Amino acid sequence: MAQERKTKAGVLPPDGGWGWMIVAGCFVVTVCTRAVTRCISIFFVEFQMHFARDYSGTAWIHSLVDCTTMLCAPLGSLIGNQLSCRVAVILGGFLASIGLVLSSFATSLEYLYLTLGALTGLGFALCYTPAIAMVGVYFCERKSLAYGIAMSGSGIGTFVLAPVVQMLIEYYSWRGALLILGGLVSNLCVCGALLRPITLKEEEACPLPVDSECGYSTKPLVAISSVEEKQLEASKQQRNSKQRCLQSMQEYHFLLMPDFLVLAGSFLFLASGCSLPFVYLVPYALDVGVSHHNAAFLMSILGVIDIVGNITFGWLTDRRCLKKYRNICYMVAVGMEGLCCFLIPLLRTFALLVPFSVLYGYFDGAYVALIPVVTSDVVGTTYLSSALGVVYFLHAIPYLVSPPIGGWLVDTTGTYTATFFLSGFALISSALLLCTVTLIRHCQKVQRNRRSKNPTLEPSEAQQADFYTTKNKDLLIINTSTS
């Protein structure tokens, strides 16, 4: 009996099998959360015309969806850890679907703030983090490939949904389009049902030991008696109670690192600027005379090129010649995105807006792929999970504030120029902040190298003086001895 328990004990991540169903479920989750959030900007003009409100008031809808999704992401992790990822995603899918369906009966923008902004955003938050976490449970050796496929749902979903949503608005009005989107998002409950947790059989009562790399240990477990097991559990509880505070402090030790603080400031500028083009590209295209179909197609182009930038830039920066310059590649991508925003007021036809969608989408995908890499280079792989949680949490407030500020600028100036200039200024400021710190560190490193190779004049003079004084002392001793 003990022999059977020993052989059945350790279970490794399958790296396939049902894991690919987990990847498919996470792919649909990213489509129904991030892609649907991006497509809300297509409803912008419809909401504004129907409720006769200004740009600033209408922009709060998109801001609340993004902000609620980011702020409540830790709540999704908590529910997934305490109950299960399956329960979290099913509950989130239900809330998001209910929010979209209730939004189709909206009578005011304040109603949409509550249903589409808060309720749907909360549902997306409960789905997003647990689904991503489950991919890491099922995969170890092929984790990068699995995550690449799962996270591509955001770009592919934007490419497909943007023209579909525009067509639904034309055929069924914005109310009917939101109702149909509510039905689409209800598939999150099906995705949640696919997230089958890896559990031990009933006779394998001992928990799996965790491995630092893959999450499970390859060492076989040894059967122990019930008395020894109770003693071990009591000692573990005492040790855990003493070490819990210290471990929590060590887990967020990176918050005191100067490099991470600079990176966090850069991310605040980045989040302040990157969301504005997604919100105002379609309204701007309609304002300059582009048709509704072509304006929605611009979002499709941006979405599919986003995938190309994500994959190609990630592959390029993994090359040996560019690997040590990943930080510079990240700054170039963010800076080029800011330059694109400065040029968009000059682009007033569909033919000129297509290159903007291509370039902005490519560099957007490029820097998104490098955010975890740059963060890992600063804090190390040990604290990467906690650091990414802080990084994405920092995006919440800029996501909430920047679109209404952009709408206020449109209402005040009567054009979109100031809004896109604000986006470009924030993005370039993000890149310049990192660039300035990088140059300062490089100059300090060069000075240290020069001092190590070529000592300054004062130490050499001191050494020379010591040499002569010792030499004179030796001569004086010789003279006294001879005399």
Protein backbone atom coordinates (compact mmCIF):
# COMPACT_ATOMS: atom_id res chain seq x y z
CA MET A 1 0.00 0.00 0.00
CA ALA A 2 2.84 2.36 0.90
CA GLN A 3 4.54 1.40 -2.34
CA GLU A 4 1.48 2.47 -4.38
CA ARG A 5 1.34 5.83 -2.61
CA LYS A 6 4.96 6.51 -3.34
CA THR A 7 4.59 5.83 -7.05
CA LYS A 8 1.42 7.86 -7.47
CA ALA A 9 2.54 10.86 -5.45
CA GLY A 10 4.38 13.42 -7.64
CA VAL A 11 2.42 14.98 -10.55
CA LEU A 12 4.23 17.27 -12.98
CA PRO A 13 2.57 19.90 -15.20
CA PRO A 14 1.40 18.04 -18.31
CA ASP A 15 2.86 20.59 -20.80
CA GLY A 16 0.08 19.61 -23.18
CA GLY A 17 -3.01 17.46 -23.15
CA TRP A 18 -5.78 19.33 -21.33
CA GLY A 19 -3.33 22.21 -20.96
CA TRP A 20 -4.11 23.26 -24.53
CA MET A 21 -7.76 23.57 -23.56
CA ILE A 22 -6.62 25.87 -20.74
CA VAL A 23 -4.73 27.93 -23.35
CA ALA A 24 -7.84 28.05 -25.55
CA GLY A 25 -9.92 29.17 -22.58
CA CYS A 26 -7.41 31.91 -21.68
CA PHE A 27 -7.35 33.01 -25.34
CA VAL A 28 -11.13 33.51 -25.31
CA VAL A 29 -10.86 35.30 -21.95
CA THR A 30 -8.42 37.84 -23.44
CA VAL A 31 -10.75 38.30 -26.42
CA CYS A 32 -13.80 38.88 -24.20
CA THR A 33 -11.99 41.20 -21.78
CA ARG A 34 -9.22 43.24 -23.42
CA ALA A 35 -10.57 43.22 -27.00
CA VAL A 36 -14.11 44.11 -25.91
CA THR A 37 -12.71 46.92 -23.75
CA ARG A 38 -10.89 48.37 -26.76
CA CYS A 39 -14.03 48.14 -28.90
CA ILE A 40 -16.01 50.25 -26.43
CA SER A 41 -14.46 53.29 -28.12
CA ILE A 42 -16.58 52.47 -31.20
CA PHE A 43 -19.67 53.29 -29.10
CA PHE A 44 -18.18 56.68 -28.17
CA VAL A 45 -19.95 58.78 -30.81
CA GLU A 46 -23.20 56.84 -30.40
CA PHE A 47 -23.29 57.51 -26.66
CA GLN A 48 -22.39 61.15 -27.16
CA MET A 49 -25.10 61.77 -29.75
CA HIS A 50 -27.83 59.81 -27.94
CA PHE A 51 -27.32 61.38 -24.52
CA ALA A 52 -26.23 64.80 -25.87
CA ARG A 53 -23.18 64.94 -23.60
CA ASP A 54 -19.68 66.36 -24.06
CA TYR A 55 -16.52 64.42 -24.82
CA SER A 56 -15.23 64.51 -21.26
CA GLY A 57 -18.37 62.99 -19.74
CA THR A 58 -18.57 60.27 -22.39
CA ALA A 59 -14.89 59.33 -21.97
CA TRP A 60 -15.49 58.31 -18.35
CA ILE A 61 -17.15 55.09 -19.54
CA HIS A 62 -14.00 53.71 -21.14
CA SER A 63 -11.91 55.01 -18.24
CA LEU A 64 -14.03 53.23 -15.64
CA VAL A 65 -13.86 49.90 -17.48
CA ASP A 66 -10.06 50.02 -17.70
CA CYS A 67 -9.56 51.36 -14.19
CA THR A 68 -11.93 48.86 -12.53
CA THR A 69 -10.27 45.97 -14.38
CA MET A 70 -6.82 46.99 -13.14
CA LEU A 71 -7.81 47.97 -9.60
CA CYS A 72 -9.84 44.82 -8.93
CA ALA A 73 -7.33 42.39 -10.45
CA PRO A 74 -5.99 41.48 -6.95
CA LEU A 75 -9.57 40.57 -5.98
CA GLY A 76 -9.65 38.07 -8.85
CA SER A 77 -6.39 36.56 -7.61
CA LEU A 78 -7.77 36.34 -4.07
CA ILE A 79 -10.94 34.52 -5.16
CA GLY A 80 -8.91 32.21 -7.39
CA ASN A 81 -6.58 31.31 -4.52
CA GLN A 82 -9.26 30.92 -1.85
CA LEU A 83 -11.89 29.10 -3.94
CA SER A 84 -10.62 28.19 -7.41
CA CYS A 85 -9.78 29.84 -10.72
CA ARG A 86 -12.84 28.13 -12.20
CA VAL A 87 -15.17 29.83 -9.70
CA ALA A 88 -13.51 33.22 -10.20
CA VAL A 89 -13.82 33.15 -14.01
CA ILE A 90 -17.40 31.85 -14.01
CA LEU A 91 -18.42 34.53 -11.50
CA GLY A 92 -16.59 37.21 -13.48
CA GLY A 93 -18.18 36.11 -16.75
CA PHE A 94 -21.63 36.26 -15.17
CA LEU A 95 -21.05 39.77 -13.80
CA ALA A 96 -19.55 41.08 -17.06
CA SER A 97 -22.40 39.65 -19.13
CA ILE A 98 -25.03 41.09 -16.78
CA GLY A 99 -23.29 44.47 -16.94
CA LEU A 100 -23.38 44.57 -20.75
CA VAL A 101 -27.00 43.40 -20.92
CA LEU A 102 -28.11 46.01 -18.36
CA SER A 103 -26.15 48.65 -20.30
CA SER A 104 -28.37 48.06 -23.33
CA PHE A 105 -31.27 49.52 -21.29
CA ALA A 106 -29.32 52.63 -20.25
CA THR A 107 -31.20 55.91 -19.85
CA SER A 108 -28.24 58.12 -18.93
CA LEU A 109 -24.47 58.19 -18.90
CA GLU A 110 -24.48 57.78 -15.12
CA TYR A 111 -26.35 54.51 -15.64
CA LEU A 112 -23.57 53.39 -18.01
CA TYR A 113 -20.93 54.42 -15.47
CA LEU A 114 -22.39 51.88 -13.06
CA THR A 115 -23.28 49.01 -15.40
CA LEU A 116 -20.73 49.20 -18.22
CA GLY A 117 -17.95 50.89 -16.26
CA ALA A 118 -18.05 49.37 -12.77
CA LEU A 119 -20.01 46.09 -13.09
CA THR A 120 -18.53 44.93 -16.40
CA GLY A 121 -15.05 46.07 -15.35
CA LEU A 122 -15.35 44.08 -12.12
CA GLY A 123 -16.35 40.98 -14.08
CA PHE A 124 -13.35 41.39 -16.41
CA ALA A 125 -11.04 41.73 -13.39
CA LEU A 126 -12.27 38.47 -11.86
CA CYS A 127 -11.67 36.62 -15.15
CA TYR A 128 -8.37 38.04 -16.39
CA THR A 129 -5.83 37.22 -13.67
CA PRO A 130 -7.04 33.68 -12.72
CA ALA A 131 -7.19 32.57 -16.36
CA ILE A 132 -3.62 33.72 -16.97
CA ALA A 133 -2.46 32.03 -13.77
CA MET A 134 -3.93 28.67 -14.82
CA VAL A 135 -1.77 28.59 -17.95
CA GLY A 136 1.32 28.71 -15.73
CA VAL A 137 0.02 25.77 -13.68
CA TYR A 138 -0.38 23.48 -16.70
CA PHE A 139 2.84 24.44 -18.50
CA CYS A 140 6.49 24.54 -17.53
CA GLU A 141 8.75 23.59 -20.43
CA ARG A 142 6.55 25.26 -23.07
CA LYS A 143 5.26 28.08 -20.88
CA SER A 144 6.40 30.90 -23.20
CA LEU A 145 4.67 29.37 -26.21
CA ALA A 146 1.49 28.78 -24.21
CA TYR A 147 1.42 32.36 -22.93
CA GLY A 148 2.16 33.71 -26.40
CA ILE A 149 -0.87 31.94 -27.85
CA ALA A 150 -3.13 32.81 -24.93
CA MET A 151 -2.27 36.52 -24.82
CA SER A 152 -2.63 37.00 -28.59
CA GLY A 153 -6.39 37.01 -28.10
CA SER A 154 -6.28 40.73 -27.35
CA GLY A 155 -4.96 41.73 -30.78
CA ILE A 156 -6.82 39.10 -32.78
CA GLY A 157 -10.05 39.91 -30.95
CA THR A 158 -9.67 43.62 -31.70
CA PHE A 159 -9.05 42.86 -35.38
CA VAL A 160 -12.20 40.73 -35.65
CA LEU A 161 -14.57 42.49 -33.26
CA ALA A 162 -14.05 46.10 -34.40
CA PRO A 163 -15.83 45.78 -37.79
CA VAL A 164 -18.35 43.34 -36.32
CA VAL A 165 -19.33 45.79 -33.57
CA GLN A 166 -19.69 48.59 -36.12
CA MET A 167 -21.94 46.38 -38.26
CA LEU A 168 -24.04 45.45 -35.21
CA ILE A 169 -24.50 49.14 -34.36
CA GLU A 170 -25.72 49.85 -37.89
CA TYR A 171 -28.16 46.93 -37.97
CA TYR A 172 -29.40 46.83 -34.37
CA SER A 173 -28.39 50.24 -32.89
CA TRP A 174 -25.99 50.57 -29.98
CA ARG A 175 -28.50 48.97 -27.60
CA GLY A 176 -28.75 45.81 -29.69
CA ALA A 177 -24.96 45.71 -30.13
CA LEU A 178 -24.42 45.84 -26.36
CA LEU A 179 -27.02 43.11 -25.86
CA ILE A 180 -25.25 40.84 -28.36
CA LEU A 181 -21.87 41.60 -26.76
CA GLY A 182 -23.39 40.58 -23.45
CA GLY A 183 -24.24 37.20 -24.98
CA LEU A 184 -20.72 36.91 -26.39
CA VAL A 185 -19.10 37.73 -23.05
CA SER A 186 -21.26 35.10 -21.32
CA ASN A 187 -18.94 32.56 -22.96
CA LEU A 188 -16.51 33.46 -20.21
CA CYS A 189 -18.53 31.11 -18.02
CA VAL A 190 -17.78 28.31 -20.47
CA CYS A 191 -14.09 29.24 -20.39
CA GLY A 192 -14.20 29.09 -16.62
CA ALA A 193 -15.65 25.59 -16.78
CA LEU A 194 -12.63 24.54 -18.88
CA LEU A 195 -10.19 25.61 -16.14
CA ARG A 196 -9.95 22.20 -14.51
CA PRO A 197 -7.53 22.38 -11.58
CA ILE A 198 -4.76 19.82 -11.20
CA THR A 199 -5.66 17.83 -8.07
CA LEU A 200 -4.32 14.72 -6.35
CA LYS A 201 -6.35 11.54 -6.06
CA GLU A 202 -8.08 10.76 -2.79
CA GLU A 203 -5.48 8.29 -1.58
CA GLU A 204 -2.69 10.83 -2.16
CA ALA A 205 -3.36 12.95 0.90
CA CYS A 206 0.08 14.57 1.10
CA PRO A 207 0.39 17.92 -0.74
CA LEU A 208 2.79 18.35 -3.63
CA PRO A 209 6.09 19.96 -2.74
CA VAL A 210 6.65 23.13 -4.74
CA ASP A 211 9.63 23.49 -7.02
CA SER A 212 11.16 26.91 -7.66
CA GLU A 213 11.03 26.68 -11.44
CA CYS A 214 8.11 24.56 -12.61
CA GLY A 215 5.88 24.72 -9.54
CA TYR A 216 6.15 21.01 -8.66
CA SER A 217 8.95 18.85 -7.35
CA THR A 218 10.26 15.83 -9.16
CA LYS A 219 11.38 14.17 -5.92
CA PRO A 220 9.19 11.29 -4.69
CA LEU A 221 7.35 11.71 -1.42
CA VAL A 222 7.97 9.46 1.55
CA ALA A 223 5.03 8.07 3.51
CA ILE A 224 4.93 9.27 7.15
CA SER A 225 2.84 8.34 10.14
CA SER A 226 -0.09 10.40 11.40
CA VAL A 227 1.71 11.39 14.64
CA GLU A 228 4.76 12.61 12.76
CA GLU A 229 2.50 14.43 10.32
CA LYS A 230 0.75 16.29 13.18
CA GLN A 231 4.08 17.26 14.72
CA LEU A 232 5.34 18.51 11.37
CA GLU A 233 2.18 20.54 10.80
CA ALA A 234 2.43 22.14 14.27
CA SER A 235 6.07 23.07 13.74
CA LYS A 236 5.28 24.44 10.27
CA GLN A 237 2.49 26.63 11.65
CA GLN A 238 4.81 28.08 14.29
CA ARG A 239 7.50 28.76 11.75
CA ASN A 240 5.03 30.26 9.26
CA SER A 241 3.56 32.62 11.87
CA LYS A 242 7.04 33.92 12.71
CA GLN A 243 8.26 34.22 9.15
CA ARG A 244 5.08 35.57 7.53
CA CYS A 245 5.80 39.21 8.32
CA LEU A 246 9.44 38.93 7.26
CA GLN A 247 8.51 37.19 4.00
CA SER A 248 5.92 39.84 3.14
CA MET A 249 8.51 42.56 3.72
CA GLN A 250 11.09 40.74 1.60
CA GLU A 251 8.55 40.14 -1.17
CA TYR A 252 8.13 43.89 -1.70
CA HIS A 253 11.71 44.84 -0.96
CA PHE A 254 12.06 46.06 -4.56
CA LEU A 255 9.79 49.05 -3.75
CA LEU A 256 12.78 50.71 -2.08
CA MET A 257 15.06 50.21 -5.08
CA PRO A 258 15.86 53.53 -6.86
CA ASP A 259 15.84 51.84 -10.26
CA PHE A 260 12.35 50.46 -9.70
CA LEU A 261 11.07 53.83 -8.50
CA VAL A 262 12.33 55.43 -11.71
CA LEU A 263 10.73 52.64 -13.72
CA ALA A 264 7.45 53.13 -11.85
CA GLY A 265 7.49 56.84 -12.66
CA SER A 266 8.09 55.99 -16.30
CA PHE A 267 5.13 53.61 -16.26
CA LEU A 268 2.88 56.36 -14.86
CA PHE A 269 3.73 58.58 -17.84
CA LEU A 270 3.29 55.62 -20.17
CA ALA A 271 -0.17 54.74 -18.85
CA SER A 272 -1.22 58.40 -19.07
CA GLY A 273 -0.57 58.49 -22.79
CA CYS A 274 -1.06 55.03 -24.25
CA SER A 275 -4.85 54.78 -23.73
CA LEU A 276 -5.81 58.06 -25.44
CA PRO A 277 -5.34 56.92 -29.07
CA PHE A 278 -7.44 53.80 -28.40
CA VAL A 279 -10.26 56.01 -27.11
CA TYR A 280 -10.11 58.88 -29.61
CA LEU A 281 -8.84 57.33 -32.86
CA VAL A 282 -12.32 56.38 -34.11
CA PRO A 283 -13.98 59.71 -33.08
CA TYR A 284 -11.10 61.62 -34.70
CA ALA A 285 -11.43 59.61 -37.92
CA LEU A 286 -15.17 60.31 -38.03
CA ASP A 287 -14.51 64.00 -37.36
CA VAL A 288 -12.21 64.34 -40.38
CA GLY A 289 -14.75 62.67 -42.69
CA VAL A 290 -13.79 58.98 -42.63
CA SER A 291 -16.74 56.59 -42.94
CA HIS A 292 -17.89 54.51 -39.99
CA HIS A 293 -16.69 51.26 -41.59
CA ASN A 294 -13.23 52.63 -42.35
CA ALA A 295 -12.95 54.18 -38.88
CA ALA A 296 -13.69 50.81 -37.29
CA PHE A 297 -11.25 49.17 -39.71
CA LEU A 298 -8.49 51.42 -38.33
CA MET A 299 -8.99 49.73 -34.95
CA SER A 300 -8.81 46.34 -36.65
CA ILE A 301 -5.50 47.24 -38.27
CA LEU A 302 -4.15 48.50 -34.96
CA GLY A 303 -5.18 45.26 -33.25
CA VAL A 304 -3.63 42.82 -35.72
CA ILE A 305 -0.37 44.80 -36.07
CA ASP A 306 -0.20 44.83 -32.28
CA ILE A 307 0.28 41.04 -32.46
CA VAL A 308 3.05 41.42 -35.06
CA GLY A 309 4.89 43.92 -32.86
CA ASN A 310 4.52 41.72 -29.81
CA ILE A 311 5.98 38.64 -31.46
CA THR A 312 8.67 40.18 -33.70
CA PHE A 313 10.03 42.65 -31.16
CA GLY A 314 10.11 39.97 -28.50
CA TRP A 315 11.98 37.66 -30.88
CA LEU A 316 14.44 40.38 -31.93
CA THR A 317 15.32 41.40 -28.38
CA ASP A 318 16.03 37.76 -27.54
CA ARG A 319 18.84 37.73 -30.11
CA ARG A 320 22.33 37.70 -28.62
CA CYS A 321 23.33 40.99 -30.27
CA LEU A 322 20.34 42.91 -28.80
CA LYS A 323 19.78 41.07 -25.54
CA LYS A 324 21.86 43.47 -23.43
CA TYR A 325 20.18 46.46 -25.10
CA ARG A 326 16.58 45.49 -24.29
CA ASN A 327 16.13 48.56 -22.10
CA ILE A 328 17.13 50.79 -25.02
CA CYS A 329 14.77 48.92 -27.36
CA TYR A 330 11.95 49.51 -24.90
CA MET A 331 12.69 53.24 -24.78
CA VAL A 332 12.80 53.41 -28.60
CA ALA A 333 9.42 51.69 -28.88
CA VAL A 334 7.75 54.05 -26.39
CA GLY A 335 9.40 57.11 -27.95
CA MET A 336 8.33 56.16 -31.48
CA GLU A 337 4.78 55.66 -30.23
CA GLY A 338 4.86 59.21 -28.85
CA LEU A 339 6.14 60.59 -32.17
CA CYS A 340 3.23 58.91 -33.96
CA CYS A 341 0.80 60.80 -31.71
CA PHE A 342 2.48 64.12 -32.54
CA LEU A 343 1.96 63.46 -36.27
CA ILE A 344 -1.69 62.38 -36.20
CA PRO A 345 -3.20 65.93 -36.42
CA LEU A 346 -1.60 66.16 -39.88
CA LEU A 347 -3.32 62.95 -41.02
CA ARG A 348 -6.83 63.83 -42.19
CA THR A 349 -7.69 61.05 -44.65
CA PHE A 350 -8.19 57.32 -44.32
CA ALA A 351 -5.15 56.62 -46.53
CA LEU A 352 -2.93 58.61 -44.16
CA LEU A 353 -4.47 57.19 -40.98
CA VAL A 354 -3.72 53.61 -42.04
CA PRO A 355 0.09 54.07 -41.65
CA PHE A 356 -0.55 55.61 -38.22
CA SER A 357 -2.53 52.53 -37.15
CA VAL A 358 0.25 50.28 -38.45
CA LEU A 359 3.09 52.13 -36.72
CA TYR A 360 1.26 52.82 -33.47
CA GLY A 361 -0.02 49.24 -33.27
CA TYR A 362 3.43 47.80 -33.93
CA PHE A 363 5.24 49.87 -31.30
CA ASP A 364 2.38 49.35 -28.85
CA GLY A 365 2.80 45.59 -29.16
CA ALA A 366 6.59 46.01 -28.94
CA TYR A 367 6.67 47.81 -25.61
CA VAL A 368 3.92 45.61 -24.13
CA ALA A 369 6.09 42.56 -24.84
CA LEU A 370 9.07 44.21 -23.12
CA ILE A 371 7.35 45.44 -19.93
CA PRO A 372 7.86 42.12 -18.07
CA VAL A 373 11.40 41.84 -19.43
CA VAL A 374 12.45 45.34 -18.38
CA THR A 375 10.82 44.86 -14.97
CA SER A 376 12.64 41.55 -14.54
CA ASP A 377 15.97 43.18 -15.41
CA VAL A 378 15.41 45.68 -12.59
CA VAL A 379 13.97 43.55 -9.75
CA GLY A 380 15.11 40.05 -10.76
CA THR A 381 13.03 36.96 -11.42
CA THR A 382 12.41 36.29 -7.71
CA TYR A 383 10.19 39.34 -7.25
CA LEU A 384 8.83 39.53 -10.81
CA SER A 385 5.31 38.38 -9.97
CA SER A 386 4.86 40.94 -7.18
CA ALA A 387 6.54 43.66 -9.24
CA LEU A 388 4.23 43.10 -12.21
CA GLY A 389 1.25 43.34 -9.86
CA VAL A 390 2.50 46.75 -8.72
CA VAL A 391 3.26 47.79 -12.30
CA TYR A 392 -0.22 46.99 -13.59
CA PHE A 393 -1.78 48.54 -10.48
CA LEU A 394 0.04 51.78 -11.37
CA HIS A 395 -1.81 51.81 -14.69
CA ALA A 396 -5.21 52.10 -12.99
CA ILE A 397 -5.30 55.80 -12.03
CA PRO A 398 -3.87 57.11 -15.35
CA TYR A 399 -6.36 54.89 -17.22
CA LEU A 400 -9.14 56.48 -15.16
CA VAL A 401 -8.06 60.12 -15.47
CA SER A 402 -6.42 60.56 -18.88
CA PRO A 403 -9.42 59.90 -21.22
CA PRO A 404 -11.68 62.44 -19.45
CA ILE A 405 -8.83 64.98 -19.52
CA GLY A 406 -8.47 64.31 -23.26
CA GLY A 407 -12.22 64.78 -23.69
CA TRP A 408 -12.08 68.05 -21.75
CA LEU A 409 -9.35 69.27 -24.12
CA VAL A 410 -11.54 68.40 -27.11
CA ASP A 411 -14.48 70.28 -25.59
CA THR A 412 -12.30 73.30 -24.78
CA THR A 413 -10.30 73.58 -28.01
CA GLY A 414 -12.82 72.13 -30.46
CA THR A 415 -10.17 69.86 -32.02
CA TYR A 416 -8.35 66.63 -31.17
CA THR A 417 -4.88 68.16 -31.58
CA ALA A 418 -4.30 68.94 -27.91
CA THR A 419 -5.49 65.45 -26.88
CA PHE A 420 -3.04 63.63 -29.15
CA PHE A 421 -0.27 66.07 -28.21
CA LEU A 422 -0.93 65.21 -24.56
CA SER A 423 -0.61 61.53 -25.41
CA GLY A 424 2.63 62.08 -27.32
CA PHE A 425 4.11 64.26 -24.56
CA ALA A 426 3.34 61.63 -21.89
CA LEU A 427 4.85 58.80 -23.95
CA ILE A 428 8.01 60.69 -24.86
CA SER A 429 8.37 61.83 -21.22
CA SER A 430 8.24 58.17 -20.20
CA ALA A 431 11.05 57.32 -22.61
CA LEU A 432 13.11 60.41 -21.73
CA LEU A 433 12.92 59.68 -18.00
CA LEU A 434 14.46 56.24 -18.49
CA CYS A 435 16.91 57.58 -21.07
CA THR A 436 18.15 60.30 -18.71
CA VAL A 437 18.72 57.87 -15.85
CA THR A 438 20.42 55.41 -18.22
CA LEU A 439 22.80 58.13 -19.49
CA ILE A 440 23.63 59.21 -15.94
CA ARG A 441 24.38 55.63 -14.94
CA HIS A 442 26.50 55.16 -18.07
CA CYS A 443 28.55 58.32 -17.35
CA GLN A 444 29.09 57.22 -13.75
CA LYS A 445 30.24 53.81 -14.96
CA VAL A 446 32.67 55.38 -17.46
CA GLN A 447 34.14 57.59 -14.73
CA ARG A 448 34.60 54.64 -12.41
CA ASN A 449 36.37 52.70 -15.17
CA ARG A 450 38.68 55.64 -15.88
CA ARG A 451 39.57 55.96 -12.22
CA SER A 452 40.34 52.25 -11.96
CA LYS A 453 42.52 52.25 -15.09
CA ASN A 454 44.14 55.72 -14.77
CA PRO A 455 44.55 56.82 -11.10
CA THR A 456 44.24 60.55 -10.41
CA LEU A 457 47.25 62.75 -9.89
CA GLU A 458 46.96 63.28 -6.15
CA PRO A 459 47.26 59.59 -5.15
CA SER A 460 50.32 59.19 -7.44
CA GLU A 461 52.00 62.19 -5.87
CA ALA A 462 51.34 60.75 -2.42
CA GLN A 463 52.84 57.44 -3.47
CA GLN A 464 55.86 59.25 -4.90
CA ALA A 465 56.36 61.24 -1.70
CA ASP A 466 56.18 58.07 0.36
CA PHE A 467 58.80 56.48 -1.89
CA TYR A 468 61.25 59.34 -1.45
CA THR A 469 60.76 59.58 2.28
CA THR A 470 61.38 55.88 2.73
CA LYS A 471 64.40 56.09 0.47
CA ASN A 472 65.89 59.00 2.47
CA LYS A 473 65.30 57.11 5.71
CA ASP A 474 67.22 54.13 4.33
CA LEU A 475 70.11 56.39 3.29
CA LEU A 476 70.17 58.02 6.70
CA ILE A 477 70.38 54.61 8.38
CA ILE A 478 73.24 53.55 6.12
CA ASN A 479 75.21 56.74 6.80
CA THR A 480 74.87 56.43 10.56
CA SER A 481 75.98 52.82 10.50
CA THR A 482 79.09 53.54 8.44
CA SER A 483 80.09 56.45 10.60
